[in-house]
């Protein structure tokens, strides 16, 4: 970490950040929060009020300012332009809580009067189908940058940012572990689009192609959900054990064979997957994008956000 006076970020404790809520009321109920939580995620209404509500206030200010900027630009050009959504990218490791963060922000942002239509898109839908990954020998690299259909993802983002009336994204099933045939998510000119995924903040692959476009080029605001690797690995292991006792028991699950693993076998399998796939992807591809985020949510071992880092303007 650079010295505080050289860091591009302003750092807030969770208490300091919570004060920035500015008396905004929390209208989310415990029942609603229960539907938004990810498996094994322990986020509470108290943390929503302390961390995510102030964040929704900040994002609301950014959205309103950006909408005003677009209006000013259109006035200057003398043009009637299509509504352009504000795009928020959320990145981070497997099991760190990205999906819960994305769903919480979607629910909270939709309650602000200036932008009631908020869509959520996950980049899982832009993974190559399993048959393609198998043909290319990439099944063990699923989630790594090369496993995504970057062209399709960029075309989707370009269409959304162009204000097209209707844009479709593929749908991914975590049960079948594959793209769902003939199914799509339809985005119809929302006020805000949240794009959540492992590598969404990435800008390069080391190949030196500086002219190449990346999904992050379309973001107005980037969020990285961070934690120590040892904690994330533990959360991944806990989730793997929970899935073994729930989703994996479904005969239609791609991982149904893991449902019969003993506790010791499941622990060994989780450790292997982390070492060979998820941990490797985190260190090589995901973590290096952290400092590109506009805001970083740093979690402690209890899964609660302890520190918020906001990039200085």
C-alpha atoms as a PDB file:
ATOM      1  CA  UNK A   1       0.000   0.000   0.000  1.00  0.00           C
ATOM      2  CA  UNK A   2       1.349   3.456  -0.878  1.00  0.00           C
ATOM      3  CA  UNK A   3       1.554   6.143   1.847  1.00  0.00           C
ATOM      4  CA  UNK A   4      -1.861   7.651   2.563  1.00  0.00           C
ATOM      5  CA  UNK A   5      -0.911  10.999   1.054  1.00  0.00           C
ATOM      6  CA  UNK A   6       0.081   9.291  -2.220  1.00  0.00           C
ATOM      7  CA  UNK A   7      -2.784   6.825  -2.404  1.00  0.00           C
ATOM      8  CA  UNK A   8      -5.470   7.610  -4.978  1.00  0.00           C
ATOM      9  CA  UNK A   9      -8.072   6.463  -2.432  1.00  0.00           C
ATOM     10  CA  UNK A  10      -9.710   8.052   0.572  1.00  0.00           C
ATOM     11  CA  UNK A  11     -10.169   5.409   3.285  1.00  0.00           C
ATOM     12  CA  UNK A  12     -13.196   5.130   5.597  1.00  0.00           C
ATOM     13  CA  UNK A  13     -13.850   2.791   8.489  1.00  0.00           C
ATOM     14  CA  UNK A  14     -17.276   1.168   8.431  1.00  0.00           C
ATOM     15  CA  UNK A  15     -18.363   3.584  11.162  1.00  0.00           C
ATOM     16  CA  UNK A  16     -17.165   6.648   9.245  1.00  0.00           C
ATOM     17  CA  UNK A  17     -18.789   5.387   6.068  1.00  0.00           C
ATOM     18  CA  UNK A  18     -22.048   4.699   7.884  1.00  0.00           C
ATOM     19  CA  UNK A  19     -22.325   8.366   8.876  1.00  0.00           C
ATOM     20  CA  UNK A  20     -22.531   9.276   5.184  1.00  0.00           C
ATOM     21  CA  UNK A  21     -25.966   7.689   5.034  1.00  0.00           C
ATOM     22  CA  UNK A  22     -27.251  11.194   5.845  1.00  0.00           C
ATOM     23  CA  UNK A  23     -30.533  10.047   7.449  1.00  0.00           C
ATOM     24  CA  UNK A  24     -31.667   8.194   4.306  1.00  0.00           C
ATOM     25  CA  UNK A  25     -34.328   5.741   5.555  1.00  0.00           C
ATOM     26  CA  UNK A  26     -33.812   2.006   5.152  1.00  0.00           C
ATOM     27  CA  UNK A  27     -36.924   0.573   3.521  1.00  0.00           C
ATOM     28  CA  UNK A  28     -35.524  -2.894   2.848  1.00  0.00           C
ATOM     29  CA  UNK A  29     -37.155  -5.552   5.039  1.00  0.00           C
ATOM     30  CA  UNK A  30     -35.622  -8.662   6.583  1.00  0.00           C
ATOM     31  CA  UNK A  31     -37.746 -10.808   4.263  1.00  0.00           C
ATOM     32  CA  UNK A  32     -36.476  -8.952   1.199  1.00  0.00           C
ATOM     33  CA  UNK A  33     -32.893  -9.200   2.427  1.00  0.00           C
ATOM     34  CA  UNK A  34     -33.322 -12.942   2.837  1.00  0.00           C
ATOM     35  CA  UNK A  35     -34.116 -13.237  -0.866  1.00  0.00           C
ATOM     36  CA  UNK A  36     -31.102 -11.137  -1.828  1.00  0.00           C
ATOM     37  CA  UNK A  37     -28.475 -12.902   0.293  1.00  0.00           C
ATOM     38  CA  UNK A  38     -26.186 -15.384  -1.380  1.00  0.00           C
ATOM     39  CA  UNK A  39     -25.585 -18.857   0.034  1.00  0.00           C
ATOM     40  CA  UNK A  40     -23.662 -18.592   3.331  1.00  0.00           C
ATOM     41  CA  UNK A  41     -23.594 -14.775   3.079  1.00  0.00           C
ATOM     42  CA  UNK A  42     -24.256 -13.273   6.508  1.00  0.00           C
ATOM     43  CA  UNK A  43     -25.087  -9.671   5.535  1.00  0.00           C
ATOM     44  CA  UNK A  44     -27.512  -8.109   8.029  1.00  0.00           C
ATOM     45  CA  UNK A  45     -29.915  -5.183   7.858  1.00  0.00           C
ATOM     46  CA  UNK A  46     -27.485  -3.313  10.124  1.00  0.00           C
ATOM     47  CA  UNK A  47     -24.709  -3.742   7.565  1.00  0.00           C
ATOM     48  CA  UNK A  48     -27.046  -2.776   4.734  1.00  0.00           C
ATOM     49  CA  UNK A  49     -27.795   0.485   6.563  1.00  0.00           C
ATOM     50  CA  UNK A  50     -24.144   1.088   7.442  1.00  0.00           C
ATOM     51  CA  UNK A  51     -22.466   0.162   4.147  1.00  0.00           C
ATOM     52  CA  UNK A  52     -24.834  -0.322   1.237  1.00  0.00           C
ATOM     53  CA  UNK A  53     -27.302   2.481   1.906  1.00  0.00           C
ATOM     54  CA  UNK A  54     -24.565   5.173   1.946  1.00  0.00           C
ATOM     55  CA  UNK A  55     -23.147   3.561  -1.207  1.00  0.00           C
ATOM     56  CA  UNK A  56     -26.543   3.793  -2.896  1.00  0.00           C
ATOM     57  CA  UNK A  57     -26.654   7.479  -1.926  1.00  0.00           C
ATOM     58  CA  UNK A  58     -23.237   8.080  -3.481  1.00  0.00           C
ATOM     59  CA  UNK A  59     -24.215   6.207  -6.641  1.00  0.00           C
ATOM     60  CA  UNK A  60     -27.458   8.178  -6.844  1.00  0.00           C
ATOM     61  CA  UNK A  61     -25.434  11.409  -6.835  1.00  0.00           C
ATOM     62  CA  UNK A  62     -23.195  10.041  -9.599  1.00  0.00           C
ATOM     63  CA  UNK A  63     -26.182   8.945 -11.682  1.00  0.00           C
ATOM     64  CA  UNK A  64     -27.969  12.295 -11.361  1.00  0.00           C
ATOM     65  CA  UNK A  65     -24.778  14.177 -12.247  1.00  0.00           C
ATOM     66  CA  UNK A  66     -24.161  11.946 -15.263  1.00  0.00           C
ATOM     67  CA  UNK A  67     -27.746  12.335 -16.458  1.00  0.00           C
ATOM     68  CA  UNK A  68     -27.290  16.108 -16.243  1.00  0.00           C
ATOM     69  CA  UNK A  69     -24.056  15.888 -18.209  1.00  0.00           C
ATOM     70  CA  UNK A  70     -25.748  13.918 -20.997  1.00  0.00           C
ATOM     71  CA  UNK A  71     -28.562  16.464 -21.118  1.00  0.00           C
ATOM     72  CA  UNK A  72     -26.057  19.330 -21.328  1.00  0.00           C
ATOM     73  CA  UNK A  73     -24.181  17.584 -24.124  1.00  0.00           C
ATOM     74  CA  UNK A  74     -27.399  16.971 -26.064  1.00  0.00           C
ATOM     75  CA  UNK A  75     -28.399  20.621 -25.679  1.00  0.00           C
ATOM     76  CA  UNK A  76     -24.999  21.772 -26.943  1.00  0.00           C
ATOM     77  CA  UNK A  77     -25.182  19.458 -29.957  1.00  0.00           C
ATOM     78  CA  UNK A  78     -28.823  20.294 -30.630  1.00  0.00           C
ATOM     79  CA  UNK A  79     -29.654  16.588 -30.747  1.00  0.00           C
ATOM     80  CA  UNK A  80     -32.275  14.330 -29.258  1.00  0.00           C
ATOM     81  CA  UNK A  81     -30.308  11.355 -27.972  1.00  0.00           C
ATOM     82  CA  UNK A  82     -31.540   8.038 -26.639  1.00  0.00           C
ATOM     83  CA  UNK A  83     -31.396   7.549 -22.874  1.00  0.00           C
ATOM     84  CA  UNK A  84     -27.986   6.175 -21.945  1.00  0.00           C
ATOM     85  CA  UNK A  85     -27.885   4.016 -18.814  1.00  0.00           C
ATOM     86  CA  UNK A  86     -25.366   4.529 -16.023  1.00  0.00           C
ATOM     87  CA  UNK A  87     -23.251   1.349 -15.885  1.00  0.00           C
ATOM     88  CA  UNK A  88     -21.806  -0.030 -12.648  1.00  0.00           C
ATOM     89  CA  UNK A  89     -19.265  -2.862 -12.771  1.00  0.00           C
ATOM     90  CA  UNK A  90     -18.796  -5.141  -9.753  1.00  0.00           C
ATOM     91  CA  UNK A  91     -15.779  -7.450  -9.649  1.00  0.00           C
ATOM     92  CA  UNK A  92     -14.020  -9.728  -7.198  1.00  0.00           C
ATOM     93  CA  UNK A  93     -13.221 -13.349  -6.428  1.00  0.00           C
ATOM     94  CA  UNK A  94     -15.472 -16.362  -6.382  1.00  0.00           C
ATOM     95  CA  UNK A  95     -17.297 -16.594  -2.998  1.00  0.00           C
ATOM     96  CA  UNK A  96     -16.402 -13.035  -1.913  1.00  0.00           C
ATOM     97  CA  UNK A  97     -20.001 -11.795  -2.088  1.00  0.00           C
ATOM     98  CA  UNK A  98     -20.166  -9.988  -5.458  1.00  0.00           C
ATOM     99  CA  UNK A  99     -23.601 -11.331  -6.320  1.00  0.00           C
ATOM    100  CA  UNK A 100     -25.120 -10.290  -2.999  1.00  0.00           C
ATOM    101  CA  UNK A 101     -23.570  -6.836  -3.368  1.00  0.00           C
ATOM    102  CA  UNK A 102     -25.002  -6.532  -6.885  1.00  0.00           C
ATOM    103  CA  UNK A 103     -28.493  -7.626  -5.847  1.00  0.00           C
ATOM    104  CA  UNK A 104     -28.495  -5.321  -2.817  1.00  0.00           C
ATOM    105  CA  UNK A 105     -27.474  -2.315  -4.893  1.00  0.00           C
ATOM    106  CA  UNK A 106     -30.069  -3.150  -7.523  1.00  0.00           C
ATOM    107  CA  UNK A 107     -32.791  -3.209  -4.872  1.00  0.00           C
ATOM    108  CA  UNK A 108     -31.617  -0.022  -3.132  1.00  0.00           C
ATOM    109  CA  UNK A 109     -30.934   2.017  -6.270  1.00  0.00           C
ATOM    110  CA  UNK A 110     -34.349   1.177  -7.724  1.00  0.00           C
ATOM    111  CA  UNK A 111     -35.929   2.963  -4.729  1.00  0.00           C
ATOM    112  CA  UNK A 112     -34.431   6.328  -5.662  1.00  0.00           C
ATOM    113  CA  UNK A 113     -36.899   8.443  -7.667  1.00  0.00           C
ATOM    114  CA  UNK A 114     -34.480   9.502 -10.421  1.00  0.00           C
ATOM    115  CA  UNK A 115     -33.699   6.022 -11.723  1.00  0.00           C
ATOM    116  CA  UNK A 116     -36.344   3.442 -10.841  1.00  0.00           C
ATOM    117  CA  UNK A 117     -35.389   0.950 -13.578  1.00  0.00           C
ATOM    118  CA  UNK A 118     -32.240  -0.940 -12.609  1.00  0.00           C
ATOM    119  CA  UNK A 119     -31.146  -4.088 -14.459  1.00  0.00           C
ATOM    120  CA  UNK A 120     -28.573  -6.638 -13.325  1.00  0.00           C
ATOM    121  CA  UNK A 121     -26.489  -8.657 -15.778  1.00  0.00           C
ATOM    122  CA  UNK A 122     -23.882 -11.252 -14.820  1.00  0.00           C
ATOM    123  CA  UNK A 123     -21.001 -12.028 -17.146  1.00  0.00           C
ATOM    124  CA  UNK A 124     -21.551 -15.755 -16.491  1.00  0.00           C
ATOM    125  CA  UNK A 125     -24.000 -15.600 -19.391  1.00  0.00           C
ATOM    126  CA  UNK A 126     -21.121 -14.681 -21.687  1.00  0.00           C
ATOM    127  CA  UNK A 127     -19.040 -17.728 -20.846  1.00  0.00           C
ATOM    128  CA  UNK A 128     -18.514 -19.955 -23.861  1.00  0.00           C
ATOM    129  CA  UNK A 129     -20.868 -22.973 -23.774  1.00  0.00           C
ATOM    130  CA  UNK A 130     -19.347 -26.115 -22.287  1.00  0.00           C
ATOM    131  CA  UNK A 131     -19.061 -27.797 -25.697  1.00  0.00           C
ATOM    132  CA  UNK A 132     -16.869 -24.911 -26.905  1.00  0.00           C
ATOM    133  CA  UNK A 133     -14.758 -24.959 -23.739  1.00  0.00           C
ATOM    134  CA  UNK A 134     -14.297 -28.720 -24.104  1.00  0.00           C
ATOM    135  CA  UNK A 135     -13.272 -28.354 -27.749  1.00  0.00           C
ATOM    136  CA  UNK A 136     -10.674 -25.756 -26.743  1.00  0.00           C
ATOM    137  CA  UNK A 137      -9.459 -27.641 -23.673  1.00  0.00           C
ATOM    138  CA  UNK A 138     -10.644 -24.860 -21.364  1.00  0.00           C
ATOM    139  CA  UNK A 139     -13.093 -26.585 -19.015  1.00  0.00           C
ATOM    140  CA  UNK A 140     -10.548 -26.370 -16.181  1.00  0.00           C
ATOM    141  CA  UNK A 141     -10.078 -22.667 -17.016  1.00  0.00           C
ATOM    142  CA  UNK A 142     -13.728 -21.726 -16.677  1.00  0.00           C
ATOM    143  CA  UNK A 143     -13.924 -18.217 -15.219  1.00  0.00           C
ATOM    144  CA  UNK A 144     -10.494 -17.256 -16.566  1.00  0.00           C
ATOM    145  CA  UNK A 145     -10.529 -14.427 -19.146  1.00  0.00           C
ATOM    146  CA  UNK A 146     -10.090 -16.786 -22.117  1.00  0.00           C
ATOM    147  CA  UNK A 147     -13.262 -18.708 -21.224  1.00  0.00           C
ATOM    148  CA  UNK A 148     -15.553 -15.761 -22.088  1.00  0.00           C
ATOM    149  CA  UNK A 149     -17.022 -14.711 -25.413  1.00  0.00           C
ATOM    150  CA  UNK A 150     -15.546 -11.212 -25.264  1.00  0.00           C
ATOM    151  CA  UNK A 151     -16.919 -10.219 -28.656  1.00  0.00           C
ATOM    152  CA  UNK A 152     -20.509 -10.990 -27.599  1.00  0.00           C
ATOM    153  CA  UNK A 153     -20.044  -9.205 -24.259  1.00  0.00           C
ATOM    154  CA  UNK A 154     -18.625  -6.094 -25.915  1.00  0.00           C
ATOM    155  CA  UNK A 155     -21.408  -6.062 -28.507  1.00  0.00           C
ATOM    156  CA  UNK A 156     -23.936  -6.263 -25.691  1.00  0.00           C
ATOM    157  CA  UNK A 157     -22.332  -3.397 -23.768  1.00  0.00           C
ATOM    158  CA  UNK A 158     -22.000  -1.249 -26.887  1.00  0.00           C
ATOM    159  CA  UNK A 159     -25.694  -1.730 -27.691  1.00  0.00           C
ATOM    160  CA  UNK A 160     -26.727  -0.901 -24.111  1.00  0.00           C
ATOM    161  CA  UNK A 161     -24.581   2.238 -24.073  1.00  0.00           C
ATOM    162  CA  UNK A 162     -25.954   3.258 -27.491  1.00  0.00           C
ATOM    163  CA  UNK A 163     -29.427   3.354 -25.944  1.00  0.00           C
ATOM    164  CA  UNK A 164     -30.870   0.617 -28.140  1.00  0.00           C
ATOM    165  CA  UNK A 165     -34.499  -0.134 -27.323  1.00  0.00           C
ATOM    166  CA  UNK A 166     -33.937  -3.819 -26.572  1.00  0.00           C
ATOM    167  CA  UNK A 167     -30.730  -5.758 -25.959  1.00  0.00           C
ATOM    168  CA  UNK A 168     -30.498  -9.453 -25.110  1.00  0.00           C
ATOM    169  CA  UNK A 169     -27.934 -11.289 -22.981  1.00  0.00           C
ATOM    170  CA  UNK A 170     -27.478 -15.068 -22.664  1.00  0.00           C
ATOM    171  CA  UNK A 171     -28.545 -16.789 -19.442  1.00  0.00           C
ATOM    172  CA  UNK A 172     -26.303 -19.101 -17.411  1.00  0.00           C
ATOM    173  CA  UNK A 173     -27.444 -21.915 -15.109  1.00  0.00           C
ATOM    174  CA  UNK A 174     -25.344 -22.720 -12.049  1.00  0.00           C
ATOM    175  CA  UNK A 175     -27.239 -26.016 -11.790  1.00  0.00           C
ATOM    176  CA  UNK A 176     -26.400 -27.306 -15.269  1.00  0.00           C
ATOM    177  CA  UNK A 177     -23.119 -25.328 -15.210  1.00  0.00           C
ATOM    178  CA  UNK A 178     -23.779 -24.167 -18.757  1.00  0.00           C
ATOM    179  CA  UNK A 179     -25.513 -21.589 -20.948  1.00  0.00           C
ATOM    180  CA  UNK A 180     -29.293 -22.141 -21.070  1.00  0.00           C
ATOM    181  CA  UNK A 181     -30.337 -22.805 -24.685  1.00  0.00           C
ATOM    182  CA  UNK A 182     -32.932 -20.465 -26.225  1.00  0.00           C
ATOM    183  CA  UNK A 183     -33.184 -18.302 -23.117  1.00  0.00           C
ATOM    184  CA  UNK A 184     -32.111 -14.677 -22.763  1.00  0.00           C
ATOM    185  CA  UNK A 185     -32.244 -11.720 -20.420  1.00  0.00           C
ATOM    186  CA  UNK A 186     -33.821  -8.687 -22.092  1.00  0.00           C
ATOM    187  CA  UNK A 187     -32.578  -5.198 -21.231  1.00  0.00           C
ATOM    188  CA  UNK A 188     -34.919  -2.385 -22.290  1.00  0.00           C
ATOM    189  CA  UNK A 189     -33.339   1.038 -21.795  1.00  0.00           C
ATOM    190  CA  UNK A 190     -32.869   0.930 -18.012  1.00  0.00           C
ATOM    191  CA  UNK A 191     -31.692   3.908 -16.004  1.00  0.00           C
ATOM    192  CA  UNK A 192     -28.877   1.838 -14.489  1.00  0.00           C
ATOM    193  CA  UNK A 193     -27.204  -1.420 -15.518  1.00  0.00           C
ATOM    194  CA  UNK A 194     -25.153  -3.372 -12.970  1.00  0.00           C
ATOM    195  CA  UNK A 195     -22.648  -5.753 -14.563  1.00  0.00           C
ATOM    196  CA  UNK A 196     -21.276  -8.330 -12.127  1.00  0.00           C
ATOM    197  CA  UNK A 197     -18.483 -10.802 -12.794  1.00  0.00           C
ATOM    198  CA  UNK A 198     -15.030 -12.076 -11.923  1.00  0.00           C
ATOM    199  CA  UNK A 199     -12.949 -10.171 -14.459  1.00  0.00           C
ATOM    200  CA  UNK A 200     -15.146  -7.173 -15.293  1.00  0.00           C
ATOM    201  CA  UNK A 201     -12.506  -4.609 -14.281  1.00  0.00           C
ATOM    202  CA  UNK A 202      -9.846  -6.136 -16.501  1.00  0.00           C
ATOM    203  CA  UNK A 203      -8.170  -3.924 -19.106  1.00  0.00           C
ATOM    204  CA  UNK A 204      -5.489  -6.111 -20.643  1.00  0.00           C
ATOM    205  CA  UNK A 205      -4.174  -9.637 -21.059  1.00  0.00           C
ATOM    206  CA  UNK A 206      -0.484  -8.829 -21.182  1.00  0.00           C
ATOM    207  CA  UNK A 207      -0.419  -9.082 -24.956  1.00  0.00           C
ATOM    208  CA  UNK A 208       0.326  -5.423 -25.482  1.00  0.00           C
ATOM    209  CA  UNK A 209      -2.771  -4.750 -27.588  1.00  0.00           C
ATOM    210  CA  UNK A 210      -3.527  -1.300 -26.227  1.00  0.00           C
ATOM    211  CA  UNK A 211      -6.163  -0.644 -28.890  1.00  0.00           C
ATOM    212  CA  UNK A 212      -8.339  -3.524 -27.707  1.00  0.00           C
ATOM    213  CA  UNK A 213     -11.670  -2.714 -26.060  1.00  0.00           C
ATOM    214  CA  UNK A 214     -12.676  -4.205 -22.705  1.00  0.00           C
ATOM    215  CA  UNK A 215     -15.985  -4.369 -20.920  1.00  0.00           C
ATOM    216  CA  UNK A 216     -14.610  -2.007 -18.258  1.00  0.00           C
ATOM    217  CA  UNK A 217     -14.360   0.721 -20.932  1.00  0.00           C
ATOM    218  CA  UNK A 218     -18.162   1.005 -20.739  1.00  0.00           C
ATOM    219  CA  UNK A 219     -18.335   1.452 -16.968  1.00  0.00           C
ATOM    220  CA  UNK A 220     -19.219   4.723 -15.267  1.00  0.00           C
ATOM    221  CA  UNK A 221     -18.371   3.356 -11.804  1.00  0.00           C
ATOM    222  CA  UNK A 222     -16.364   0.294 -10.774  1.00  0.00           C
ATOM    223  CA  UNK A 223     -16.674  -1.605  -7.471  1.00  0.00           C
ATOM    224  CA  UNK A 224     -14.283  -4.301  -6.250  1.00  0.00           C
ATOM    225  CA  UNK A 225     -15.300  -6.594  -3.376  1.00  0.00           C
ATOM    226  CA  UNK A 226     -12.096  -7.514  -1.559  1.00  0.00           C
ATOM    227  CA  UNK A 227     -10.909  -9.803   1.247  1.00  0.00           C
ATOM    228  CA  UNK A 228      -7.803 -11.695   2.293  1.00  0.00           C
ATOM    229  CA  UNK A 229      -7.327 -14.804   0.155  1.00  0.00           C
ATOM    230  CA  UNK A 230      -7.317 -17.122   3.172  1.00  0.00           C
ATOM    231  CA  UNK A 231     -10.760 -15.819   4.142  1.00  0.00           C
ATOM    232  CA  UNK A 232     -12.160 -16.126   0.626  1.00  0.00           C
ATOM    233  CA  UNK A 233     -10.857 -19.686   0.388  1.00  0.00           C
ATOM    234  CA  UNK A 234     -12.634 -20.526   3.653  1.00  0.00           C
ATOM    235  CA  UNK A 235     -15.873 -18.981   2.356  1.00  0.00           C
ATOM    236  CA  UNK A 236     -15.526 -20.977  -0.859  1.00  0.00           C
ATOM    237  CA  UNK A 237     -15.033 -24.169   1.150  1.00  0.00           C
ATOM    238  CA  UNK A 238     -18.053 -23.414   3.339  1.00  0.00           C
ATOM    239  CA  UNK A 239     -20.145 -22.767   0.235  1.00  0.00           C
ATOM    240  CA  UNK A 240     -18.946 -25.963  -1.425  1.00  0.00           C
ATOM    241  CA  UNK A 241     -20.022 -27.959   1.629  1.00  0.00           C
ATOM    242  CA  UNK A 242     -23.411 -26.204   1.668  1.00  0.00           C
ATOM    243  CA  UNK A 243     -23.916 -26.903  -2.049  1.00  0.00           C
ATOM    244  CA  UNK A 244     -23.008 -30.557  -1.507  1.00  0.00           C
ATOM    245  CA  UNK A 245     -25.952 -30.815   0.898  1.00  0.00           C
ATOM    246  CA  UNK A 246     -28.389 -28.847  -1.297  1.00  0.00           C
ATOM    247  CA  UNK A 247     -27.981 -28.054  -5.006  1.00  0.00           C
ATOM    248  CA  UNK A 248     -25.620 -30.951  -5.743  1.00  0.00           C
ATOM    249  CA  UNK A 249     -28.331 -33.402  -4.639  1.00  0.00           C
ATOM    250  CA  UNK A 250     -30.402 -32.370  -7.666  1.00  0.00           C
ATOM    251  CA  UNK A 251     -29.964 -35.132 -10.298  1.00  0.00           C
ATOM    252  CA  UNK A 252     -29.896 -32.390 -12.939  1.00  0.00           C
ATOM    253  CA  UNK A 253     -26.911 -30.689 -11.326  1.00  0.00           C
ATOM    254  CA  UNK A 254     -23.622 -30.839 -13.215  1.00  0.00           C
ATOM    255  CA  UNK A 255     -21.974 -31.537  -9.850  1.00  0.00           C
ATOM    256  CA  UNK A 256     -24.446 -34.212  -8.721  1.00  0.00           C
ATOM    257  CA  UNK A 257     -21.552 -36.683  -8.360  1.00  0.00           C
ATOM    258  CA  UNK A 258     -20.152 -34.561  -5.532  1.00  0.00           C
ATOM    259  CA  UNK A 259     -23.285 -35.002  -3.409  1.00  0.00           C
ATOM    260  CA  UNK A 260     -22.035 -38.426  -2.280  1.00  0.00           C
ATOM    261  CA  UNK A 261     -18.658 -37.143  -1.066  1.00  0.00           C
ATOM    262  CA  UNK A 262     -17.865 -37.591   2.599  1.00  0.00           C
ATOM    263  CA  UNK A 263     -17.019 -34.494   4.629  1.00  0.00           C
ATOM    264  CA  UNK A 264     -13.286 -35.215   4.347  1.00  0.00           C
ATOM    265  CA  UNK A 265     -13.546 -35.875   0.609  1.00  0.00           C
ATOM    266  CA  UNK A 266     -15.524 -32.671   0.090  1.00  0.00           C
ATOM    267  CA  UNK A 267     -12.895 -30.663   1.977  1.00  0.00           C
ATOM    268  CA  UNK A 268     -10.160 -32.177  -0.170  1.00  0.00           C
ATOM    269  CA  UNK A 269     -12.079 -31.453  -3.379  1.00  0.00           C
ATOM    270  CA  UNK A 270     -12.744 -27.839  -2.367  1.00  0.00           C
ATOM    271  CA  UNK A 271      -9.053 -27.352  -1.563  1.00  0.00           C
ATOM    272  CA  UNK A 272      -8.076 -28.801  -4.939  1.00  0.00           C
ATOM    273  CA  UNK A 273     -10.510 -26.594  -6.869  1.00  0.00           C
ATOM    274  CA  UNK A 274      -9.286 -23.530  -5.010  1.00  0.00           C
ATOM    275  CA  UNK A 275      -5.605 -24.317  -5.576  1.00  0.00           C
ATOM    276  CA  UNK A 276      -5.904 -25.277  -9.249  1.00  0.00           C
ATOM    277  CA  UNK A 277      -8.648 -22.906 -10.425  1.00  0.00           C
ATOM    278  CA  UNK A 278     -10.215 -20.222  -8.223  1.00  0.00           C
ATOM    279  CA  UNK A 279      -7.162 -19.159  -6.229  1.00  0.00           C
ATOM    280  CA  UNK A 280      -5.017 -19.144  -9.348  1.00  0.00           C
ATOM    281  CA  UNK A 281      -7.555 -17.029 -11.234  1.00  0.00           C
ATOM    282  CA  UNK A 282      -7.780 -14.626  -8.299  1.00  0.00           C
ATOM    283  CA  UNK A 283      -4.036 -14.051  -8.116  1.00  0.00           C
ATOM    284  CA  UNK A 284      -3.344 -13.956 -11.859  1.00  0.00           C
ATOM    285  CA  UNK A 285      -6.366 -12.103 -13.231  1.00  0.00           C
ATOM    286  CA  UNK A 286      -8.819 -10.736 -10.668  1.00  0.00           C
ATOM    287  CA  UNK A 287      -6.750  -9.187  -7.869  1.00  0.00           C
ATOM    288  CA  UNK A 288      -4.564  -7.174 -10.308  1.00  0.00           C
ATOM    289  CA  UNK A 289      -7.715  -5.269 -11.370  1.00  0.00           C
ATOM    290  CA  UNK A 290      -8.580  -4.128  -7.836  1.00  0.00           C
ATOM    291  CA  UNK A 291      -6.873  -0.743  -8.005  1.00  0.00           C
ATOM    292  CA  UNK A 292      -8.867   0.155 -11.122  1.00  0.00           C
ATOM    293  CA  UNK A 293     -12.081   0.291  -9.098  1.00  0.00           C
ATOM    294  CA  UNK A 294     -13.726   3.568  -8.164  1.00  0.00           C
ATOM    295  CA  UNK A 295     -14.612   2.029  -4.799  1.00  0.00           C
ATOM    296  CA  UNK A 296     -13.276  -0.985  -2.901  1.00  0.00           C
ATOM    297  CA  UNK A 297     -15.266  -2.807  -0.219  1.00  0.00           C
ATOM    298  CA  UNK A 298     -12.796  -4.554   2.100  1.00  0.00           C
ATOM    299  CA  UNK A 299     -14.258  -7.439   4.107  1.00  0.00           C
ATOM    300  CA  UNK A 300     -13.035  -8.987   7.324  1.00  0.00           C
ATOM    301  CA  UNK A 301     -12.970 -12.699   8.149  1.00  0.00           C
ATOM    302  CA  UNK A 302     -16.587 -12.514   9.353  1.00  0.00           C
ATOM    303  CA  UNK A 303     -17.697 -11.478   5.829  1.00  0.00           C
ATOM    304  CA  UNK A 304     -18.630  -7.967   6.999  1.00  0.00           C
ATOM    305  CA  UNK A 305     -17.312  -4.878   5.236  1.00  0.00           C
ATOM    306  CA  UNK A 306     -14.749  -3.254   7.553  1.00  0.00           C
ATOM    307  CA  UNK A 307     -13.232  -0.586   5.319  1.00  0.00           C
ATOM    308  CA  UNK A 308     -14.372   1.377   2.285  1.00  0.00           C
ATOM    309  CA  UNK A 309     -11.850   2.920  -0.110  1.00  0.00           C
ATOM    310  CA  UNK A 310     -13.196   5.605  -2.453  1.00  0.00           C
ATOM    311  CA  UNK A 311     -11.072   6.892  -5.304  1.00  0.00           C
ATOM    312  CA  UNK A 312     -10.310  10.593  -5.046  1.00  0.00           C
ATOM    313  CA  UNK A 313     -11.669  12.748  -7.855  1.00  0.00           C
END
